Protein backbone atom coordinates (compact mmCIF):
# COMPACT_ATOMS: atom_id res chain seq x y z
CA MET A 1 60.19 -8.00 -1.11
CA LYS A 2 58.66 -7.76 -4.68
CA LYS A 3 55.90 -9.07 -3.31
CA ILE A 4 55.76 -6.84 0.11
CA LEU A 5 55.98 -3.95 -2.83
CA ILE A 6 53.28 -5.55 -5.57
CA VAL A 7 50.84 -4.89 -1.75
CA ILE A 8 51.87 -1.88 -1.38
CA GLY A 9 50.66 -0.67 -4.70
CA VAL A 10 48.08 -1.90 -5.18
CA VAL A 11 47.10 -0.30 -1.77
CA ILE A 12 48.48 3.49 -3.03
CA ILE A 13 45.87 2.47 -6.53
CA ALA A 14 42.54 1.57 -3.98
CA ALA A 15 43.64 4.70 -1.83
CA GLY A 16 44.00 6.97 -5.03
CA LEU A 17 40.66 5.06 -5.97
CA VAL A 18 38.95 6.08 -3.09
CA TRP A 19 39.99 9.55 -3.06
CA PHE A 20 39.14 9.61 -6.80
CA PHE A 21 35.89 7.83 -7.00
CA GLY A 22 34.69 8.31 -3.24
CA PRO A 23 32.59 11.57 -2.76
CA ASN A 24 31.21 11.23 -5.85
CA LEU A 25 29.84 7.75 -4.77
CA ILE A 26 28.78 9.46 -1.34
CA LYS A 27 27.07 12.69 -2.82
CA LYS A 28 25.11 10.36 -5.12
CA GLU A 29 23.82 8.13 -2.24
CA THR A 30 23.60 10.76 0.33
CA SER A 31 21.06 12.39 -3.32
CA LYS A 32 19.01 8.96 -3.59
CA THR A 33 18.60 8.89 0.23
CA GLU A 34 17.16 13.28 0.57
CA ALA A 35 14.98 12.15 -2.24
CA ALA A 36 13.81 9.17 -0.07
CA GLU A 37 13.00 11.14 2.80
CA ILE A 38 10.95 13.49 0.64
CA ASP A 39 7.15 11.90 1.36
CA ILE A 40 5.02 14.52 2.04
CA VAL A 41 5.69 17.98 0.28
CA LEU A 42 3.16 20.79 0.51
CA GLU A 43 2.03 23.37 -2.23
CA VAL A 44 0.75 26.54 -2.07
CA ALA A 45 -2.08 27.17 -5.26
CA VAL A 46 -2.63 30.40 -3.97
CA GLY A 47 -2.28 33.15 -0.94
CA SER A 48 -0.22 31.87 1.86
CA VAL A 49 0.96 29.21 4.73
CA VAL A 50 2.45 29.64 7.60
CA LEU A 51 4.28 26.05 8.31
CA LYS A 52 5.32 25.70 11.62
CA ASN A 53 7.80 22.82 13.06
CA ASN A 54 8.21 20.90 16.63
CA GLN A 55 10.98 23.08 17.43
CA GLY A 56 8.28 26.39 17.06
CA GLN A 57 10.02 27.91 14.05
CA GLU A 58 7.58 29.56 11.57
CA THR A 59 8.20 30.26 7.76
CA THR A 60 5.37 32.30 5.58
CA ILE A 61 4.95 30.52 1.68
CA THR A 62 3.29 32.48 -0.51
CA LYS A 63 2.38 30.21 -3.93
CA GLY A 64 4.94 27.61 -3.98
CA ILE A 65 6.63 24.40 -2.36
CA ALA A 66 7.48 22.58 0.52
CA GLU A 67 8.41 19.63 2.30
CA VAL A 68 6.75 18.73 5.24
CA VAL A 69 7.43 15.93 8.10
CA GLU A 70 5.92 14.20 10.93
CA GLY A 71 4.62 16.68 14.28
CA ASP A 72 4.58 20.47 11.07
CA ILE A 73 1.58 22.45 11.47
CA VAL A 74 0.39 23.70 8.24
CA LYS A 75 -1.68 27.08 8.74
CA ALA A 76 -4.04 28.12 5.68
CA GLN A 77 -4.77 31.91 5.75
CA ALA A 78 -7.16 33.94 4.18
CA ASP A 79 -7.67 33.81 1.27
CA SER A 80 -5.42 31.04 0.04
CA LEU A 81 -5.53 27.38 -0.64
CA ALA A 82 -2.89 24.23 0.06
CA VAL A 83 -2.28 21.56 -0.93
CA LEU A 84 -0.43 17.88 0.86
CA TYR A 85 0.36 15.35 -1.28
CA PHE A 86 1.54 12.15 0.37
CA SER A 87 4.03 9.52 -0.90
CA ASP A 88 1.00 7.03 -1.98
CA ASP A 89 -0.35 9.48 -4.07
CA THR A 90 -2.90 10.59 -1.58
CA LEU A 91 -3.27 14.06 -1.18
CA MET A 92 -5.61 16.39 1.25
CA ARG A 93 -6.66 20.24 -0.09
CA LEU A 94 -6.68 22.94 2.61
CA ASP A 95 -8.79 25.82 2.64
CA GLN A 96 -8.57 28.84 3.77
CA ASN A 97 -8.12 29.65 7.93
CA THR A 98 -7.92 25.90 8.27
CA GLU A 99 -4.93 25.17 10.67
CA ILE A 100 -3.89 21.26 10.59
CA LYS A 101 -1.22 19.03 12.46
CA VAL A 102 0.88 15.88 11.01
CA GLU A 103 0.24 14.05 13.78
CA THR A 104 1.51 10.51 12.16
CA PHE A 105 3.72 9.66 9.35
CA SER A 106 5.30 6.42 9.35
CA ARG A 107 6.38 4.27 6.54
CA GLU A 108 7.08 0.02 7.13
CA GLY A 109 7.20 -2.07 3.87
CA LYS A 110 3.95 -1.53 2.29
CA THR A 111 2.10 -0.35 5.94
CA LEU A 112 1.52 3.90 6.24
CA LYS A 113 0.48 5.37 8.89
CA THR A 114 -1.06 8.93 8.40
CA ALA A 115 -2.96 10.98 11.02
CA VAL A 116 -3.60 14.44 10.43
CA SER A 117 -5.65 16.46 13.24
CA LEU A 118 -8.00 19.26 12.12
CA ALA A 119 -7.63 22.58 14.68
CA LEU A 120 -9.93 24.53 12.86
CA GLY A 121 -11.36 24.52 9.16
CA ARG A 122 -11.31 22.60 5.86
CA VAL A 123 -9.67 20.00 4.23
CA TRP A 124 -10.64 17.67 1.54
CA SER A 125 -8.82 14.35 1.43
CA ARG A 126 -8.71 11.43 -2.21
CA LEU A 127 -7.04 8.09 -1.51
CA GLU A 128 -6.72 7.67 -4.77
CA ARG A 129 -5.82 3.66 -4.59
CA VAL A 130 -7.10 1.06 -1.30
CA ILE A 131 -4.55 1.26 1.08
CA GLU A 132 -3.47 -1.90 3.12
CA ALA A 133 -5.19 -4.18 5.31
CA ASP A 134 -2.56 -2.63 8.20
CA SER A 135 -1.98 0.76 7.25
CA LEU A 136 -4.48 3.93 8.69
CA TYR A 137 -5.55 7.69 7.10
CA GLU A 138 -7.06 9.34 9.85
CA VAL A 139 -8.33 12.92 10.28
CA ARG A 140 -9.05 13.90 13.98
CA THR A 141 -10.87 16.61 15.35
CA SER A 142 -11.51 17.41 18.89
CA ASN A 143 -14.61 15.18 19.10
CA THR A 144 -14.31 12.98 16.10
CA VAL A 145 -11.89 10.66 14.41
CA ALA A 146 -12.57 9.53 10.58
CA ALA A 147 -10.71 6.84 9.31
CA VAL A 148 -10.61 5.54 5.72
CA ARG A 149 -9.41 3.12 3.68
CA GLY A 150 -10.29 4.86 -0.49
CA THR A 151 -12.60 7.34 -0.89
CA SER A 152 -12.58 10.92 -0.99
CA PHE A 153 -13.91 12.57 1.70
CA GLY A 154 -14.31 16.04 3.44
CA VAL A 155 -14.13 17.17 7.23
CA SER A 156 -14.73 20.29 8.56
CA ARG A 157 -14.32 21.45 11.87
CA ASP A 158 -15.88 24.95 13.38
CA GLN A 159 -16.50 26.66 17.20
CA GLU A 160 -19.47 24.05 17.70
CA LYS A 161 -19.41 20.99 15.20
CA THR A 162 -17.47 18.64 13.30
CA GLU A 163 -18.99 17.82 9.61
CA VAL A 164 -17.63 14.33 7.66
CA ILE A 165 -18.56 14.54 4.02
CA VAL A 166 -18.64 11.66 2.03
CA SER A 167 -18.12 11.23 -1.65
CA GLU A 168 -17.44 7.61 -2.61
CA LYS A 169 -17.45 4.73 -0.55
CA THR A 170 -17.87 4.77 3.06
CA VAL A 171 -15.92 6.26 5.63
CA GLU A 172 -16.41 5.05 9.39
CA ALA A 173 -16.48 8.09 11.97
CA GLN A 174 -15.92 7.32 15.82
CA ALA A 175 -17.31 10.20 18.10
CA ILE A 176 -14.93 10.50 21.16
CA ASP A 177 -15.74 13.08 24.34
CA PRO A 178 -13.28 16.22 23.71
CA LEU A 179 -11.87 15.82 27.36
CA THR A 180 -10.72 11.97 27.91
CA LYS A 181 -10.39 11.52 23.70
CA GLN A 182 -11.96 8.04 24.59
CA PRO A 183 -14.69 6.89 22.21
CA LEU A 184 -18.67 7.59 23.15
CA ALA A 185 -21.47 4.94 22.66
CA GLY A 186 -23.16 5.61 19.87
CA GLY A 187 -20.65 7.03 18.56
CA PHE A 188 -19.78 5.42 15.87
CA ILE A 189 -21.14 5.26 12.35
CA LYS A 190 -20.28 4.57 8.30
CA ILE A 191 -21.22 6.93 6.39
CA GLY A 192 -21.93 6.25 2.46
CA GLU A 193 -21.82 7.65 -0.63
CA LYS A 194 -23.04 11.15 -0.91
CA GLU A 195 -23.93 11.52 3.01
CA ARG A 196 -22.39 13.06 5.82
CA THR A 197 -22.67 13.32 9.84
CA ARG A 198 -22.49 15.99 12.48
CA VAL A 199 -20.86 16.01 15.44
CA PHE A 200 -22.21 18.90 18.03
CA ASP A 201 -19.76 19.77 20.74
CA ALA A 202 -23.29 20.46 22.94
CA ALA A 203 -25.25 17.20 21.74
CA LEU A 204 -22.37 14.82 21.64
CA PRO A 205 -24.02 11.00 20.83
CA SER A 206 -24.98 8.52 23.16
CA LEU A 207 -26.65 4.85 23.70
CA GLU A 208 -30.01 6.93 23.69
CA LYS A 209 -29.26 9.40 20.67
CA PRO A 210 -26.39 7.77 18.80
CA LEU A 211 -25.11 9.91 15.76
CA GLN A 212 -27.06 9.70 12.33
CA ALA A 213 -26.32 9.70 8.46
CA GLU A 214 -28.11 12.03 6.13
CA LYS A 215 -28.47 12.15 2.08
CA LEU A 216 -27.16 15.14 0.94
CA GLY A 217 -29.69 17.17 -0.95
CA PRO A 218 -29.57 19.06 -4.41
CA GLN A 219 -28.62 22.43 -2.50
CA ASP A 220 -25.84 20.93 -0.19
CA LEU A 221 -23.92 19.27 -3.68
CA GLU A 222 -23.93 22.79 -4.64
CA GLU A 223 -21.91 24.75 -1.61
CA LYS A 224 -18.81 26.17 -3.32
CA TRP A 225 -16.32 24.04 -1.47
CA LEU A 226 -18.14 20.84 -1.88
CA LYS A 227 -18.73 21.35 -5.13
CA PHE A 228 -14.76 22.69 -5.74
CA ASN A 229 -13.92 19.17 -4.39
CA LEU A 230 -16.30 16.82 -6.51
CA GLU A 231 -15.18 18.63 -10.01
CA GLU A 232 -11.03 18.63 -8.91
CA ASP A 233 -11.84 14.55 -7.75
CA GLY A 234 -14.14 14.25 -11.29
CA GLU A 235 -10.34 15.38 -12.78
CA GLN A 236 -7.76 13.12 -11.80
CA GLU A 237 -5.20 13.74 -14.74
CA LYS A 238 -4.73 17.78 -13.74
CA GLU A 239 -3.21 16.41 -10.49
CA LEU A 240 0.48 15.84 -10.33
CA LYS A 241 1.36 13.34 -8.47
CA ILE A 242 4.19 12.75 -5.43
CA LYS A 243 6.90 11.96 -7.22
CA ASP A 244 6.24 15.39 -9.86
CA LYS A 245 6.22 17.92 -6.59
CA ARG A 246 9.42 16.34 -5.17
CA SER A 247 11.10 16.35 -8.04
CA ALA A 248 10.46 20.34 -7.83
CA LEU A 249 11.27 20.26 -4.71
CA GLU A 250 14.76 19.12 -5.04
CA GLU A 251 15.35 21.59 -7.43
CA LYS A 252 14.03 24.41 -5.69
CA LYS A 253 16.74 22.93 -2.23
CA ARG A 254 19.98 22.41 -4.98
CA ALA A 255 19.33 26.38 -6.52
């Protein structure tokens, strides 16, 4: 009888401890999980951005921060500048009148695969470190796929062409058929430092006329958007890391 009473007493004490401490433990664990799930942060530096999720819901953000997930569409409005911060400290700047979609963002161990499609406008990516061999970072347009492991480069898309500009190291670009999305013969190229290539819809590359790269001239380097990004990349200490943006976003959610 005494043993039964002791067991009952232990059970009651244990239940009390769970009742008292359980909610706090669960809350702390949930907070950790929520923090870990914030892998992409959008910061609107100037103007406004329309964020559209995969359910079609749109939110306008004016000079603030928000979470972005796989499948989201980000549209920078006129006279705007926005920055996407990824969890590996890669960043992507969006010029005004630019629309992108985060097609893929997946993580498995140290392997991180990111693919962003650019519908219209200009983006500039800076990969702070060389990514793992199995990892992937791609910017896609209707007729080109640009893939890198570690560099700074820009991609622009207008009504007639895609342009890829490389600041440092090398970018691999592959021209694709706009309809079938299959690689085009003569459409693969490695673009080196301070070089660019252009893929025109009306004159897609072929074996007879393969894709070519050309050196940027002094006048090209003075172009406003390119010059801005080269200067920003040269002052890396100014850039806040993803963890700082994530902390700010978590505080905003708690407020």
